[in-house]
Amino acid sequence: MTGAAQEPSWFVTVGPRLTDYTRKLGEQTEFYGKSLASTVDAVRRYPNELLRLIAEMGMGTGALAVIGGTVGIIGFLTLTTGALVAVQGYDTLSNVGVEALTGFLSAFLNVRMIAPCTAGLALAATIGAGATAQLGAMRINEEIDALEVMGIRAITYLSSTRIIAGVLVVIPLYAVAVLMSFIAAKFLTIYSYGQSRGVYEHYFSTFLRPTDLFWSFLAALTMATGVMVVHTYYGFTATGGPAGVGEAVGRSVRSSMIVTAFVCLAISLSVYGQSGNFNLSG
């Protein structure tokens, strides 16, 4: 009689997966480091390509340009989130008789959480996904290999330029996002619910702090950097033909959304902590 077959050990089954995961993590870290370290060379060597990418990312191409490109998408998204702040905030506060504080909610929630997170997610779904698709198509068509054969540093030319363009484009995009969220909340509160303009503007201006705008803007820049680094990596390493490019786009969007949420959470906790840096008394 033969003994019962032994089941494979935990190391045999999990070890290869852990090794593969560690290898991929190392490859990503190396790519991120090279891309960020080459940004200065990208500005110096490829200024024309950088300007082209900024124009393309800001206003879009083809069907995306018809609706105003990324500017139109982010503006529309933050317009709806600002309107939701007004609707939910006014209805909730009116239950306890303090609906006058709707302006406070607009100045507090839009700046600290809603506008930067919405802008980051919109950036991932538009500019980031487009960068992954472009680089993935270049990879499967062997255009990236051709650049390297010609002596052009592909990471600098393709990845670093897109990271810089994404960070520069997010500056006016985020300004539009914050303004649209403010306009939507103010318009609905005053003209739909009939609140006095003076009451709304009093509480809005009282609780709108310039330091909050600064940290919110810094969060948007950090999100843009993380989003572009992640998307350029997945596009640069895409394999498997057109289906592989689609898979790379899906993975990059999921990863960049996680990065966006983590950055928003980390900055909010580190800056505002437990106190929130404001006092409401009366």
Protein backbone atom coordinates (compact mmCIF):
# COMPACT_ATOMS: atom_id res chain seq x y z
CA MET A 1 0.00 0.00 0.00
CA THR A 2 1.14 3.47 -0.77
CA GLY A 3 0.82 6.29 1.66
CA ALA A 4 -1.65 9.10 1.17
CA ALA A 5 -0.42 11.85 -1.12
CA GLN A 6 0.79 14.83 0.79
CA GLU A 7 -0.87 18.14 0.11
CA PRO A 8 1.42 20.87 -1.22
CA SER A 9 2.81 23.09 1.47
CA TRP A 10 1.74 26.68 1.96
CA PHE A 11 5.04 27.96 0.62
CA VAL A 12 4.73 25.96 -2.60
CA THR A 13 1.30 27.40 -3.39
CA VAL A 14 1.67 30.95 -2.11
CA GLY A 15 5.40 31.46 -2.61
CA PRO A 16 5.37 31.91 -6.41
CA ARG A 17 2.47 34.35 -6.21
CA LEU A 18 4.21 36.36 -3.52
CA THR A 19 7.42 36.40 -5.54
CA ASP A 20 5.61 37.57 -8.66
CA TYR A 21 3.80 40.28 -6.69
CA THR A 22 7.07 41.50 -5.17
CA ARG A 23 8.74 41.56 -8.59
CA LYS A 24 5.90 43.62 -10.10
CA LEU A 25 6.00 46.01 -7.16
CA GLY A 26 9.72 46.50 -7.66
CA GLU A 27 9.25 47.12 -11.38
CA GLN A 28 6.58 49.73 -10.67
CA THR A 29 8.74 51.47 -8.08
CA GLU A 30 11.68 51.57 -10.49
CA PHE A 31 9.49 52.98 -13.27
CA TYR A 32 8.02 55.62 -10.97
CA GLY A 33 11.47 56.69 -9.84
CA LYS A 34 12.84 56.95 -13.37
CA SER A 35 9.79 58.86 -14.60
CA LEU A 36 9.90 61.42 -11.80
CA ALA A 37 13.68 61.78 -11.95
CA SER A 38 13.55 62.48 -15.70
CA THR A 39 11.08 65.37 -15.50
CA VAL A 40 13.83 68.00 -15.67
CA ASP A 41 15.30 66.38 -18.79
CA ALA A 42 11.83 66.20 -20.33
CA VAL A 43 11.33 69.95 -19.93
CA ARG A 44 14.74 70.72 -21.35
CA ARG A 45 14.78 68.24 -24.24
CA TYR A 46 11.16 67.99 -25.36
CA PRO A 47 9.40 71.35 -24.86
CA ASN A 48 7.38 71.07 -28.09
CA GLU A 49 6.01 67.66 -27.13
CA LEU A 50 5.19 69.00 -23.68
CA LEU A 51 3.18 71.91 -25.11
CA ARG A 52 1.32 69.55 -27.43
CA LEU A 53 0.37 67.28 -24.55
CA ILE A 54 -0.81 70.21 -22.42
CA ALA A 55 -3.13 71.40 -25.20
CA GLU A 56 -4.38 67.87 -25.83
CA MET A 57 -5.05 67.11 -22.18
CA GLY A 58 -6.72 70.44 -21.47
CA MET A 59 -9.18 70.66 -24.35
CA GLY A 60 -9.16 67.11 -25.66
CA THR A 61 -9.30 65.81 -29.20
CA GLY A 62 -12.07 64.45 -31.38
CA ALA A 63 -15.40 63.85 -29.66
CA LEU A 64 -13.98 64.90 -26.29
CA ALA A 65 -13.22 68.38 -27.62
CA VAL A 66 -16.88 68.90 -28.55
CA ILE A 67 -17.90 69.06 -24.88
CA GLY A 68 -14.92 71.15 -23.83
CA GLY A 69 -12.48 68.34 -23.12
CA THR A 70 -11.41 67.63 -19.57
CA VAL A 71 -12.41 71.15 -18.52
CA GLY A 72 -16.03 70.48 -19.43
CA ILE A 73 -16.12 67.09 -17.73
CA ILE A 74 -14.59 68.25 -14.45
CA GLY A 75 -16.73 71.39 -14.47
CA PHE A 76 -19.91 69.37 -14.95
CA LEU A 77 -19.01 66.84 -12.25
CA THR A 78 -18.19 69.46 -9.63
CA LEU A 79 -21.29 71.42 -10.63
CA THR A 80 -23.42 68.42 -9.68
CA THR A 81 -21.53 67.77 -6.45
CA GLY A 82 -21.90 71.42 -5.43
CA ALA A 83 -25.62 71.19 -6.12
CA LEU A 84 -25.86 68.07 -3.96
CA VAL A 85 -24.14 69.89 -1.11
CA ALA A 86 -26.76 72.63 -1.32
CA VAL A 87 -29.72 70.25 -1.55
CA GLN A 88 -28.67 67.83 1.18
CA GLY A 89 -27.15 70.52 3.38
CA TYR A 90 -30.14 72.84 3.33
CA ASP A 91 -32.67 70.05 3.88
CA THR A 92 -30.66 68.54 6.74
CA LEU A 93 -29.93 71.83 8.49
CA SER A 94 -33.52 73.02 8.13
CA ASN A 95 -34.63 70.07 10.28
CA VAL A 96 -32.86 71.65 13.26
CA GLY A 97 -33.54 75.27 12.30
CA VAL A 98 -30.03 76.27 11.21
CA GLU A 99 -30.42 76.29 7.43
CA ALA A 100 -28.52 79.59 7.41
CA LEU A 101 -25.34 77.52 7.77
CA THR A 102 -25.63 76.12 4.24
CA GLY A 103 -22.93 78.58 3.18
CA PHE A 104 -20.68 77.08 5.84
CA LEU A 105 -21.16 73.59 4.38
CA SER A 106 -20.26 74.84 0.91
CA ALA A 107 -17.06 76.49 2.13
CA PHE A 108 -16.16 73.53 4.32
CA LEU A 109 -17.07 70.38 2.37
CA ASN A 110 -16.41 71.53 -1.19
CA VAL A 111 -12.91 72.76 -0.45
CA ARG A 112 -11.69 70.10 1.94
CA MET A 113 -13.11 66.89 0.49
CA ILE A 114 -15.56 66.96 -2.39
CA ALA A 115 -13.86 69.16 -5.00
CA PRO A 116 -10.35 67.62 -4.78
CA CYS A 117 -11.62 64.04 -4.75
CA THR A 118 -14.02 64.67 -7.64
CA ALA A 119 -11.30 66.38 -9.66
CA GLY A 120 -8.91 63.49 -9.02
CA LEU A 121 -11.42 60.87 -10.12
CA ALA A 122 -12.31 62.86 -13.22
CA LEU A 123 -8.63 63.23 -14.04
CA ALA A 124 -8.16 59.47 -13.79
CA ALA A 125 -11.14 58.74 -16.02
CA THR A 126 -10.19 61.23 -18.74
CA ILE A 127 -6.55 62.27 -18.98
CA GLY A 128 -5.19 59.20 -17.22
CA ALA A 129 -7.15 56.64 -19.20
CA GLY A 130 -6.25 58.42 -22.43
CA ALA A 131 -2.55 58.31 -21.58
CA THR A 132 -2.73 54.59 -20.84
CA ALA A 133 -4.51 53.88 -24.13
CA GLN A 134 -2.01 55.96 -26.12
CA LEU A 135 1.07 54.38 -24.60
CA GLY A 136 -0.46 50.91 -24.76
CA ALA A 137 -1.16 51.29 -28.47
CA MET A 138 2.40 52.46 -29.01
CA ARG A 139 3.73 49.48 -27.08
CA ILE A 140 1.83 46.79 -29.00
CA ASN A 141 2.69 48.49 -32.31
CA GLU A 142 6.38 48.42 -31.31
CA GLU A 143 6.65 52.20 -31.53
CA ILE A 144 8.24 52.39 -28.09
CA ASP A 145 10.84 49.82 -29.14
CA ALA A 146 11.53 51.91 -32.25
CA LEU A 147 12.14 55.00 -30.11
CA GLU A 148 14.63 53.13 -27.97
CA VAL A 149 16.42 51.81 -31.07
CA MET A 150 16.71 55.41 -32.31
CA GLY A 151 18.45 56.36 -29.06
CA ILE A 152 15.50 58.26 -27.56
CA ARG A 153 14.86 57.60 -23.88
CA ALA A 154 11.30 56.34 -24.04
CA ILE A 155 10.48 56.88 -20.37
CA THR A 156 11.55 60.51 -20.52
CA TYR A 157 9.86 61.24 -23.85
CA LEU A 158 6.60 59.38 -23.20
CA SER A 159 6.11 59.14 -19.44
CA SER A 160 7.83 62.15 -17.89
CA THR A 161 6.32 64.58 -20.40
CA ARG A 162 2.83 63.28 -19.66
CA ILE A 163 3.36 63.54 -15.92
CA ILE A 164 4.45 67.17 -16.23
CA ALA A 165 1.58 67.98 -18.58
CA GLY A 166 -0.95 66.36 -16.26
CA VAL A 167 0.30 68.32 -13.25
CA LEU A 168 0.30 71.62 -15.16
CA VAL A 169 -3.13 71.03 -16.64
CA VAL A 170 -4.67 70.28 -13.25
CA ILE A 171 -3.92 73.84 -12.06
CA PRO A 172 -6.60 75.59 -14.16
CA LEU A 173 -8.79 72.49 -14.09
CA TYR A 174 -8.95 72.53 -10.32
CA ALA A 175 -9.68 76.25 -10.28
CA VAL A 176 -12.66 75.56 -12.55
CA ALA A 177 -13.73 72.66 -10.33
CA VAL A 178 -13.78 74.73 -7.14
CA LEU A 179 -15.55 77.67 -8.79
CA MET A 180 -18.25 75.45 -10.29
CA SER A 181 -18.92 73.77 -6.94
CA PHE A 182 -19.23 77.18 -5.26
CA ILE A 183 -21.51 78.56 -7.98
CA ALA A 184 -23.83 75.55 -7.94
CA ALA A 185 -24.22 75.56 -4.15
CA LYS A 186 -24.84 79.31 -4.02
CA PHE A 187 -27.29 79.34 -6.93
CA LEU A 188 -29.47 76.55 -5.56
CA THR A 189 -29.45 77.85 -2.00
CA ILE A 190 -30.42 81.41 -2.97
CA TYR A 191 -32.66 80.95 -6.00
CA SER A 192 -34.19 77.54 -5.30
CA TYR A 193 -34.60 77.59 -1.53
CA GLY A 194 -34.99 81.36 -1.22
CA GLN A 195 -32.29 82.00 1.35
CA SER A 196 -31.07 85.56 1.67
CA ARG A 197 -27.95 86.31 -0.35
CA GLY A 198 -26.43 88.20 2.57
CA VAL A 199 -26.93 85.31 4.99
CA TYR A 200 -25.37 82.80 2.62
CA GLU A 201 -22.39 84.99 1.75
CA HIS A 202 -21.80 85.86 5.42
CA TYR A 203 -21.36 82.26 6.55
CA PHE A 204 -19.59 81.27 3.34
CA SER A 205 -16.96 84.01 3.63
CA THR A 206 -16.59 83.45 7.37
CA PHE A 207 -15.65 79.79 7.07
CA LEU A 208 -13.79 79.89 3.74
CA ARG A 209 -10.14 79.88 4.80
CA PRO A 210 -7.29 80.59 2.36
CA THR A 211 -5.22 77.88 4.03
CA ASP A 212 -7.92 75.33 3.22
CA LEU A 213 -7.77 76.35 -0.43
CA PHE A 214 -4.00 75.97 -0.39
CA TRP A 215 -4.10 72.47 1.08
CA SER A 216 -6.91 71.51 -1.27
CA PHE A 217 -4.86 72.70 -4.22
CA LEU A 218 -1.83 70.79 -2.96
CA ALA A 219 -3.96 67.66 -2.65
CA ALA A 220 -5.10 68.07 -6.25
CA LEU A 221 -1.50 68.39 -7.47
CA THR A 222 -0.48 65.30 -5.50
CA MET A 223 -3.40 63.35 -6.90
CA ALA A 224 -2.52 64.44 -10.43
CA THR A 225 1.06 63.26 -9.98
CA GLY A 226 -0.04 59.88 -8.63
CA VAL A 227 -2.67 59.42 -11.33
CA MET A 228 -0.31 60.20 -14.20
CA VAL A 229 2.50 58.02 -12.83
CA VAL A 230 0.17 55.04 -12.45
CA HIS A 231 -1.45 55.44 -15.86
CA THR A 232 1.80 55.90 -17.74
CA TYR A 233 3.20 52.74 -16.13
CA TYR A 234 0.28 50.56 -17.17
CA GLY A 235 0.32 51.96 -20.68
CA PHE A 236 4.09 51.61 -21.00
CA THR A 237 4.00 47.94 -19.93
CA ALA A 238 0.83 46.86 -21.78
CA THR A 239 0.99 43.48 -23.53
CA GLY A 240 -1.32 41.16 -25.44
CA GLY A 241 -2.58 43.25 -28.33
CA PRO A 242 -5.71 45.42 -28.28
CA ALA A 243 -7.30 43.29 -25.57
CA GLY A 244 -4.23 43.82 -23.42
CA VAL A 245 -4.48 47.58 -23.88
CA GLY A 246 -8.09 47.51 -22.71
CA GLU A 247 -7.10 45.44 -19.69
CA ALA A 248 -4.29 47.88 -18.92
CA VAL A 249 -6.71 50.82 -19.04
CA GLY A 250 -9.07 49.09 -16.63
CA ARG A 251 -6.32 48.22 -14.18
CA SER A 252 -4.83 51.70 -14.34
CA VAL A 253 -8.17 53.38 -13.64
CA ARG A 254 -8.81 51.14 -10.64
CA SER A 255 -5.31 51.71 -9.28
CA SER A 256 -5.43 55.48 -9.78
CA MET A 257 -8.80 55.71 -8.04
CA ILE A 258 -7.29 53.94 -5.05
CA VAL A 259 -4.35 56.36 -5.12
CA THR A 260 -6.75 59.32 -5.31
CA ALA A 261 -8.78 58.14 -2.32
CA PHE A 262 -5.64 57.39 -0.30
CA VAL A 263 -4.07 60.79 -1.03
CA CYS A 264 -7.30 62.61 -0.13
CA LEU A 265 -7.57 60.65 3.12
CA ALA A 266 -3.91 61.06 4.05
CA ILE A 267 -3.81 64.82 3.44
CA SER A 268 -7.12 65.36 5.24
CA LEU A 269 -5.93 63.45 8.31
CA SER A 270 -2.49 65.06 8.37
CA VAL A 271 -3.71 68.64 7.86
CA TYR A 272 -7.02 68.78 9.70
CA GLY A 273 -6.56 66.01 12.26
CA GLN A 274 -9.21 65.68 14.94
CA SER A 275 -10.04 69.34 15.47
CA GLY A 276 -10.84 70.36 11.89
CA ASN A 277 -9.14 73.74 12.48
CA PHE A 278 -12.38 75.64 12.97
CA ASN A 279 -14.62 76.64 15.86
CA LEU A 280 -18.40 76.86 15.61
CA SER A 281 -20.03 78.51 18.60
CA GLY A 282 -22.92 80.77 19.33
